[in-house]
Amino acid sequence: MGKGKKKQAKAVESVDPTSTVAYWLDRAPEIRGIRRPATRMKMAALLQRVDPARLVADVDMTDMAGVVADIDELLTVAGGDAYTDWIEQVPFADGLQVEVLLEYFNSKVFPDLGKGLSSPS
């Protein structure tokens, strides 16, 4: 019983916390510029262009790279130096920076987009 716990503890210790999406999302700054209606509408349009299947498919990523660059530019404008300083700290290796950027955008900026509207009862 004691050996199983030691192996499990080693597995947890071997994970680099700086390489996980959750680690970086916890350190993300607040994006205040998204309160501007024009910025939110532009971000919503960009998010709807993102096809999750293309993120994992082995296809030409030119279009996706453009969408990611547009989202990053909007967040840079909306978040300023705090956003820029944060995203530049996220490791670029293994696509982590892009994954963090898209997850931040989907979870913090537009968490309810595409979930439909609830009708009043």
Protein backbone atom coordinates (compact mmCIF):
# COMPACT_ATOMS: atom_id res chain seq x y z
CA MET A 1 0.00 0.00 0.00
CA GLY A 2 2.84 2.38 0.78
CA LYS A 3 4.58 1.73 -2.58
CA GLY A 4 1.49 2.71 -4.57
CA LYS A 5 1.33 6.07 -2.83
CA LYS A 6 5.01 6.73 -3.51
CA LYS A 7 4.58 5.99 -7.23
CA GLN A 8 1.55 8.24 -7.41
CA ALA A 9 3.41 11.04 -5.64
CA LYS A 10 6.33 10.73 -8.08
CA ALA A 11 3.95 11.00 -11.05
CA VAL A 12 2.46 14.20 -9.67
CA GLU A 13 5.90 15.64 -8.96
CA SER A 14 7.11 14.87 -12.49
CA VAL A 15 4.48 17.13 -14.08
CA ASP A 16 5.86 20.60 -14.73
CA PRO A 17 3.14 23.00 -13.52
CA THR A 18 4.31 25.67 -15.95
CA SER A 19 3.39 23.41 -18.87
CA THR A 20 -0.31 23.12 -18.11
CA VAL A 21 -3.13 25.26 -19.43
CA ALA A 22 -4.76 25.55 -16.00
CA TYR A 23 -1.53 26.86 -14.46
CA TRP A 24 -1.38 29.72 -16.95
CA LEU A 25 -5.10 30.49 -16.87
CA ASP A 26 -4.86 30.98 -13.10
CA ARG A 27 -2.21 33.64 -13.71
CA ALA A 28 -4.06 35.46 -16.50
CA PRO A 29 -4.80 39.16 -16.13
CA GLU A 30 -8.28 40.61 -16.37
CA ILE A 31 -9.08 41.90 -19.85
CA ARG A 32 -10.94 45.16 -19.31
CA GLY A 33 -11.21 46.35 -22.91
CA ILE A 34 -13.81 43.71 -23.72
CA ARG A 35 -16.44 45.91 -22.14
CA ARG A 36 -16.42 47.96 -25.35
CA PRO A 37 -19.28 46.68 -27.55
CA ALA A 38 -17.33 46.95 -30.81
CA THR A 39 -14.42 44.94 -29.36
CA ARG A 40 -16.76 42.25 -28.01
CA MET A 41 -18.55 41.97 -31.36
CA LYS A 42 -15.27 41.62 -33.23
CA MET A 43 -14.10 38.99 -30.74
CA ALA A 44 -17.39 37.10 -31.08
CA ALA A 45 -17.02 37.06 -34.86
CA LEU A 46 -13.48 35.74 -34.55
CA LEU A 47 -14.46 33.03 -32.07
CA GLN A 48 -17.17 31.77 -34.40
CA ARG A 49 -14.53 31.36 -37.14
CA VAL A 50 -12.50 29.00 -34.94
CA ASP A 51 -13.17 25.39 -35.88
CA PRO A 52 -12.05 23.14 -32.98
CA ALA A 53 -11.63 20.16 -35.32
CA ARG A 54 -8.96 22.08 -37.23
CA LEU A 55 -6.94 22.49 -34.05
CA VAL A 56 -6.28 18.77 -33.89
CA ALA A 57 -6.54 17.76 -37.56
CA ASP A 58 -3.49 17.35 -39.76
CA VAL A 59 -4.42 20.13 -42.20
CA ASP A 60 -2.99 23.38 -43.52
CA MET A 61 -3.17 25.70 -40.51
CA THR A 62 -2.77 28.96 -42.42
CA ASP A 63 -6.36 30.05 -41.77
CA MET A 64 -6.18 29.03 -38.10
CA ALA A 65 -2.92 30.90 -37.67
CA GLY A 66 -4.64 34.02 -38.96
CA VAL A 67 -7.53 33.60 -36.52
CA VAL A 68 -5.15 33.03 -33.59
CA ALA A 69 -3.13 36.11 -34.59
CA ASP A 70 -6.33 38.19 -34.78
CA ILE A 71 -7.47 36.99 -31.35
CA ASP A 72 -4.05 37.71 -29.87
CA GLU A 73 -4.05 41.19 -31.39
CA LEU A 74 -7.51 41.96 -29.99
CA LEU A 75 -6.54 40.71 -26.55
CA THR A 76 -3.37 42.78 -26.71
CA VAL A 77 -5.39 45.89 -27.46
CA ALA A 78 -8.05 45.05 -24.84
CA GLY A 79 -5.62 43.90 -22.15
CA GLY A 80 -2.64 46.11 -22.76
CA ASP A 81 0.73 45.48 -21.17
CA ALA A 82 -0.64 43.11 -18.51
CA TYR A 83 -1.92 40.74 -21.20
CA THR A 84 1.27 41.04 -23.29
CA ASP A 85 3.52 40.37 -20.29
CA TRP A 86 1.45 37.33 -19.30
CA ILE A 87 1.13 35.64 -22.71
CA GLU A 88 4.84 36.12 -23.42
CA GLN A 89 5.66 34.10 -20.28
CA VAL A 90 3.66 31.09 -21.50
CA PRO A 91 5.99 28.56 -23.16
CA PHE A 92 5.57 28.35 -26.93
CA ALA A 93 6.73 24.71 -27.10
CA ASP A 94 4.21 21.99 -27.97
CA GLY A 95 1.58 24.58 -28.86
CA LEU A 96 0.99 25.50 -25.22
CA GLN A 97 0.88 29.25 -25.85
CA VAL A 98 -1.76 28.87 -28.57
CA GLU A 99 -3.77 26.42 -26.45
CA VAL A 100 -3.68 28.81 -23.47
CA LEU A 101 -4.62 31.76 -25.68
CA LEU A 102 -7.64 29.97 -27.17
CA GLU A 103 -8.77 28.54 -23.82
CA TYR A 104 -8.46 31.97 -22.20
CA PHE A 105 -10.50 33.52 -24.97
CA ASN A 106 -13.16 30.78 -24.82
CA SER A 107 -13.40 30.53 -21.04
CA LYS A 108 -12.78 34.08 -19.82
CA VAL A 109 -13.86 36.35 -22.66
CA PHE A 110 -16.82 34.41 -24.09
CA PRO A 111 -17.72 31.56 -21.71
CA ASP A 112 -21.37 31.44 -22.81
CA LEU A 113 -21.00 32.00 -26.54
CA GLY A 114 -22.77 29.29 -28.50
CA LYS A 115 -24.64 27.91 -25.49
CA GLY A 116 -27.95 29.46 -26.57
CA LEU A 117 -30.20 31.83 -24.75
CA SER A 118 -32.40 30.66 -21.93
CA SER A 119 -35.95 31.78 -22.36
CA PRO A 120 -37.71 33.36 -19.39
CA SER A 121 -40.11 31.05 -17.60
